[in-house]
């Protein structure tokens, strides 16, 4: 290739990898590739495959349900997202993560959107830095049995179909010692305990819950590896 500036080189490569330039068009600016035009163009193919693999891995259950809903529309959504989200980060999962928002914005059914949100929330929680607050935890309410469907798909027990329309609420967290995913159905006392940690106090606006129930909820969360000692003390000092 010819001696062009790095800024020009990276700009042309970004266009190639995003699918907005052909290999031949890039060579017209950068000069001929020593390995040939076809081999040069393989870079774009490899990036596209990597992005698709990341999308399929992170949103496996959502894509199964989307295919059961409408196979052609599911593929349109998948391809459309990849066209609008060209590579802008070294991590494929970071590139894939916004697909959950894309599904919602482009008319995917509620169960598919909820499955995608479940997968992204799980991904985010497992990678969140540990702290003494609740920033690494997440609470989600779904109108479908997304957890059971996702587990069944990932275990190979389901390869088609859609989740049951069964409401579910989940508290997501990463175990502070094992680093494994923890999913629990949060009681009202659990939610109050989390709010106390966030506010660092017992607010008059909190729902009426017995303080003994909140104390038990804190113990429950600690035993499940979701709270630090500092967080536990933050609640107990206000009980």
Protein backbone atom coordinates (compact mmCIF):
# COMPACT_ATOMS: atom_id res chain seq x y z
CA UNK A 1 0.00 0.00 0.00
CA UNK A 2 1.08 3.60 -0.58
CA UNK A 3 2.46 5.80 2.16
CA UNK A 4 -0.61 7.65 3.35
CA UNK A 5 -1.08 9.29 6.73
CA UNK A 6 -2.40 7.24 9.62
CA UNK A 7 -5.53 9.37 9.85
CA UNK A 8 -6.40 8.59 6.23
CA UNK A 9 -5.56 4.90 6.69
CA UNK A 10 -7.78 4.50 9.75
CA UNK A 11 -10.60 6.49 8.15
CA UNK A 12 -10.58 4.25 5.09
CA UNK A 13 -10.37 1.07 7.18
CA UNK A 14 -13.33 2.24 9.28
CA UNK A 15 -15.37 2.68 6.10
CA UNK A 16 -14.30 -0.76 4.85
CA UNK A 17 -15.16 -2.52 8.10
CA UNK A 18 -18.50 -0.71 8.30
CA UNK A 19 -19.40 -1.95 4.82
CA UNK A 20 -19.54 1.52 3.32
CA UNK A 21 -16.47 1.01 1.08
CA UNK A 22 -15.40 -1.91 -1.02
CA UNK A 23 -11.85 -3.20 -0.84
CA UNK A 24 -11.20 -1.80 -4.31
CA UNK A 25 -12.43 1.67 -3.28
CA UNK A 26 -10.11 1.65 -0.27
CA UNK A 27 -7.20 0.56 -2.44
CA UNK A 28 -7.87 3.51 -4.73
CA UNK A 29 -6.99 5.76 -1.78
CA UNK A 30 -4.47 3.64 0.11
CA UNK A 31 -2.82 1.93 -2.81
CA UNK A 32 -2.88 -1.75 -3.78
CA UNK A 33 -2.68 -4.32 -1.01
CA UNK A 34 0.38 -6.64 -1.33
CA UNK A 35 -1.89 -9.61 -0.60
CA UNK A 36 -4.43 -8.69 -3.27
CA UNK A 37 -7.85 -7.05 -3.26
CA UNK A 38 -9.78 -10.21 -2.34
CA UNK A 39 -7.64 -10.95 0.69
CA UNK A 40 -7.80 -7.31 1.75
CA UNK A 41 -11.60 -7.46 1.62
CA UNK A 42 -11.63 -10.47 3.96
CA UNK A 43 -11.09 -8.10 6.91
CA UNK A 44 -14.62 -6.75 6.48
CA UNK A 45 -16.00 -10.29 6.27
CA UNK A 46 -14.23 -11.32 9.46
CA UNK A 47 -15.53 -8.31 11.38
CA UNK A 48 -19.07 -8.94 10.13
CA UNK A 49 -18.87 -12.57 11.26
CA UNK A 50 -17.51 -11.53 14.63
CA UNK A 51 -20.34 -9.06 15.16
CA UNK A 52 -22.98 -11.59 14.15
CA UNK A 53 -21.47 -14.19 16.47
CA UNK A 54 -21.49 -11.71 19.38
CA UNK A 55 -25.11 -10.80 18.67
CA UNK A 56 -26.17 -14.44 18.39
CA UNK A 57 -24.35 -15.35 21.59
CA UNK A 58 -25.54 -12.47 23.77
CA UNK A 59 -29.14 -12.57 22.51
CA UNK A 60 -29.57 -16.25 21.77
CA UNK A 61 -32.94 -16.65 23.51
CA UNK A 62 -34.32 -13.40 22.10
CA UNK A 63 -33.40 -14.44 18.57
CA UNK A 64 -35.00 -17.86 19.04
CA UNK A 65 -38.25 -16.19 20.10
CA UNK A 66 -37.98 -13.59 17.33
CA UNK A 67 -37.59 -16.35 14.74
CA UNK A 68 -40.68 -18.11 16.12
CA UNK A 69 -42.55 -14.80 15.86
CA UNK A 70 -41.53 -14.03 12.27
CA UNK A 71 -38.40 -15.53 10.73
CA UNK A 72 -37.96 -12.95 7.96
CA UNK A 73 -38.57 -9.98 10.26
CA UNK A 74 -36.17 -11.43 12.82
CA UNK A 75 -33.43 -11.55 10.20
CA UNK A 76 -34.30 -8.04 9.03
CA UNK A 77 -33.91 -6.76 12.60
CA UNK A 78 -30.61 -8.57 13.02
CA UNK A 79 -29.20 -7.35 9.70
CA UNK A 80 -30.59 -3.85 10.16
CA UNK A 81 -28.92 -3.46 13.52
CA UNK A 82 -25.56 -4.58 12.19
CA UNK A 83 -25.85 -2.05 9.38
CA UNK A 84 -26.55 0.78 11.83
CA UNK A 85 -23.94 -0.31 14.39
CA UNK A 86 -20.64 -0.51 12.52
CA UNK A 87 -17.60 -1.54 14.60
CA UNK A 88 -16.61 1.28 16.94
CA UNK A 89 -15.15 -0.67 19.82
CA UNK A 90 -12.66 -3.52 20.21
CA UNK A 91 -15.17 -5.64 22.20
CA UNK A 92 -17.86 -7.39 20.11
CA UNK A 93 -20.18 -7.60 23.14
CA UNK A 94 -20.03 -3.83 23.57
CA UNK A 95 -21.02 -3.46 19.92
CA UNK A 96 -23.85 -6.00 20.38
CA UNK A 97 -25.27 -4.67 23.67
CA UNK A 98 -27.53 -1.88 22.23
CA UNK A 99 -29.44 -4.47 20.16
CA UNK A 100 -31.99 -4.68 23.01
CA UNK A 101 -32.89 -1.01 22.49
CA UNK A 102 -32.92 -1.47 18.73
CA UNK A 103 -35.47 -4.28 19.01
CA UNK A 104 -37.80 -2.15 21.09
CA UNK A 105 -37.47 0.84 18.78
CA UNK A 106 -38.16 -1.23 15.66
CA UNK A 107 -41.35 -3.02 16.58
CA UNK A 108 -40.23 -6.33 18.03
CA UNK A 109 -42.91 -7.95 20.24
CA UNK A 110 -42.79 -7.46 23.99
CA UNK A 111 -41.55 -10.94 24.84
CA UNK A 112 -38.60 -10.61 22.44
CA UNK A 113 -37.70 -7.20 23.85
CA UNK A 114 -37.91 -8.56 27.40
CA UNK A 115 -35.70 -11.53 26.56
CA UNK A 116 -33.13 -9.16 25.09
CA UNK A 117 -33.30 -6.93 28.15
CA UNK A 118 -32.84 -9.95 30.42
CA UNK A 119 -29.71 -10.99 28.53
CA UNK A 120 -28.21 -7.51 28.46
CA UNK A 121 -28.96 -6.89 32.14
CA UNK A 122 -27.31 -10.18 33.06
CA UNK A 123 -24.29 -9.24 30.96
CA UNK A 124 -24.03 -5.78 32.54
CA UNK A 125 -24.40 -7.06 36.10
CA UNK A 126 -21.74 -9.72 35.68
CA UNK A 127 -19.26 -7.09 34.49
CA UNK A 128 -20.12 -4.29 36.89
CA UNK A 129 -17.40 -3.30 39.37
CA UNK A 130 -18.09 -4.29 42.96
CA UNK A 131 -18.79 -1.50 45.42
CA UNK A 132 -20.43 -0.87 48.75
CA UNK A 133 -23.65 0.47 47.25
CA UNK A 134 -26.24 -0.97 44.89
CA UNK A 135 -24.78 0.19 41.57
CA UNK A 136 -23.91 -3.39 40.59
CA UNK A 137 -27.46 -4.65 41.17
CA UNK A 138 -30.51 -4.37 38.93
CA UNK A 139 -34.24 -4.94 39.38
CA UNK A 140 -36.40 -5.78 36.39
CA UNK A 141 -40.08 -6.62 35.99
CA UNK A 142 -41.16 -8.64 32.96
CA UNK A 143 -44.55 -9.71 31.67
CA UNK A 144 -43.13 -13.02 30.42
CA UNK A 145 -41.19 -15.93 31.89
CA UNK A 146 -37.92 -14.75 30.37
CA UNK A 147 -35.62 -16.44 32.86
CA UNK A 148 -37.05 -19.93 32.35
CA UNK A 149 -37.10 -19.54 28.57
CA UNK A 150 -33.52 -18.24 28.45
CA UNK A 151 -32.23 -21.09 30.60
CA UNK A 152 -34.06 -23.66 28.47
CA UNK A 153 -32.59 -22.23 25.26
CA UNK A 154 -29.07 -22.05 26.65
CA UNK A 155 -29.26 -25.61 27.96
CA UNK A 156 -30.36 -26.84 24.56
CA UNK A 157 -33.82 -27.79 25.84
CA UNK A 158 -35.58 -25.29 23.56
CA UNK A 159 -34.70 -24.40 20.00
CA UNK A 160 -37.94 -22.70 19.05
CA UNK A 161 -41.04 -21.16 20.57
CA UNK A 162 -41.66 -18.17 22.81
CA UNK A 163 -41.83 -17.61 26.57
CA UNK A 164 -45.05 -17.99 28.53
CA UNK A 165 -46.95 -14.81 29.39
CA UNK A 166 -46.18 -15.16 33.10
CA UNK A 167 -45.17 -11.98 34.96
CA UNK A 168 -41.87 -12.09 36.83
CA UNK A 169 -39.72 -9.68 38.83
CA UNK A 170 -36.02 -10.32 39.36
CA UNK A 171 -33.16 -8.84 41.31
CA UNK A 172 -29.93 -9.38 39.37
CA UNK A 173 -26.56 -9.40 41.09
CA UNK A 174 -23.08 -10.89 40.99
CA UNK A 175 -21.99 -12.95 43.97
CA UNK A 176 -19.25 -11.03 45.72
CA UNK A 177 -17.11 -14.15 46.29
CA UNK A 178 -17.90 -16.59 43.48
CA UNK A 179 -18.58 -13.93 40.78
CA UNK A 180 -21.55 -16.03 39.61
CA UNK A 181 -24.93 -14.61 38.63
CA UNK A 182 -27.48 -14.38 41.43
CA UNK A 183 -31.18 -14.05 40.60
CA UNK A 184 -33.75 -13.68 43.35
CA UNK A 185 -37.39 -12.63 43.47
CA UNK A 186 -37.27 -9.47 45.59
CA UNK A 187 -39.77 -8.95 48.38
CA UNK A 188 -41.00 -5.48 49.32
CA UNK A 189 -38.64 -5.58 52.31
CA UNK A 190 -35.71 -6.33 50.00
CA UNK A 191 -36.55 -3.34 47.81
CA UNK A 192 -36.87 -1.11 50.88
CA UNK A 193 -33.46 -2.29 52.10
CA UNK A 194 -31.90 -1.44 48.75
CA UNK A 195 -33.49 2.00 48.80
CA UNK A 196 -32.12 2.65 52.31
CA UNK A 197 -28.64 1.78 51.05
CA UNK A 198 -29.06 4.13 48.11
CA UNK A 199 -30.47 6.99 50.21
CA UNK A 200 -28.31 6.26 53.27
CA UNK A 201 -31.38 6.68 55.44
CA UNK A 202 -34.96 5.67 56.07
CA UNK A 203 -37.09 8.03 54.05
CA UNK A 204 -40.73 8.83 55.04
CA UNK A 205 -41.67 8.07 51.44
CA UNK A 206 -40.72 4.40 51.78
CA UNK A 207 -43.56 1.85 51.91
CA UNK A 208 -44.73 0.77 55.34
CA UNK A 209 -42.69 -2.33 56.13
CA UNK A 210 -41.83 -3.78 59.51
CA UNK A 211 -38.23 -3.04 60.38
CA UNK A 212 -37.74 -6.64 61.43
CA UNK A 213 -38.65 -7.67 57.88
CA UNK A 214 -36.08 -5.26 56.49
CA UNK A 215 -33.47 -6.66 58.87
CA UNK A 216 -34.24 -10.17 57.61
CA UNK A 217 -34.07 -8.95 54.02
CA UNK A 218 -30.61 -7.51 54.60
CA UNK A 219 -29.42 -10.83 56.02
CA UNK A 220 -30.94 -12.62 53.04
CA UNK A 221 -29.13 -10.36 50.56
CA UNK A 222 -25.84 -10.69 52.42
CA UNK A 223 -26.13 -14.48 52.58
CA UNK A 224 -26.68 -14.51 48.79
CA UNK A 225 -23.46 -12.56 48.28
CA UNK A 226 -25.17 -9.40 47.06
CA UNK A 227 -24.22 -6.92 49.78
CA UNK A 228 -20.98 -5.85 51.40
CA UNK A 229 -20.57 -5.46 55.14
CA UNK A 230 -20.61 -1.70 54.65
CA UNK A 231 -24.00 -1.88 52.89
CA UNK A 232 -25.40 -4.10 55.63
CA UNK A 233 -24.26 -1.66 58.30
CA UNK A 234 -25.80 1.22 56.36
CA UNK A 235 -29.22 -0.39 56.70
CA UNK A 236 -28.89 -1.71 60.23
CA UNK A 237 -27.89 1.65 61.64
CA UNK A 238 -31.31 2.95 60.54
CA UNK A 239 -33.39 0.06 61.90
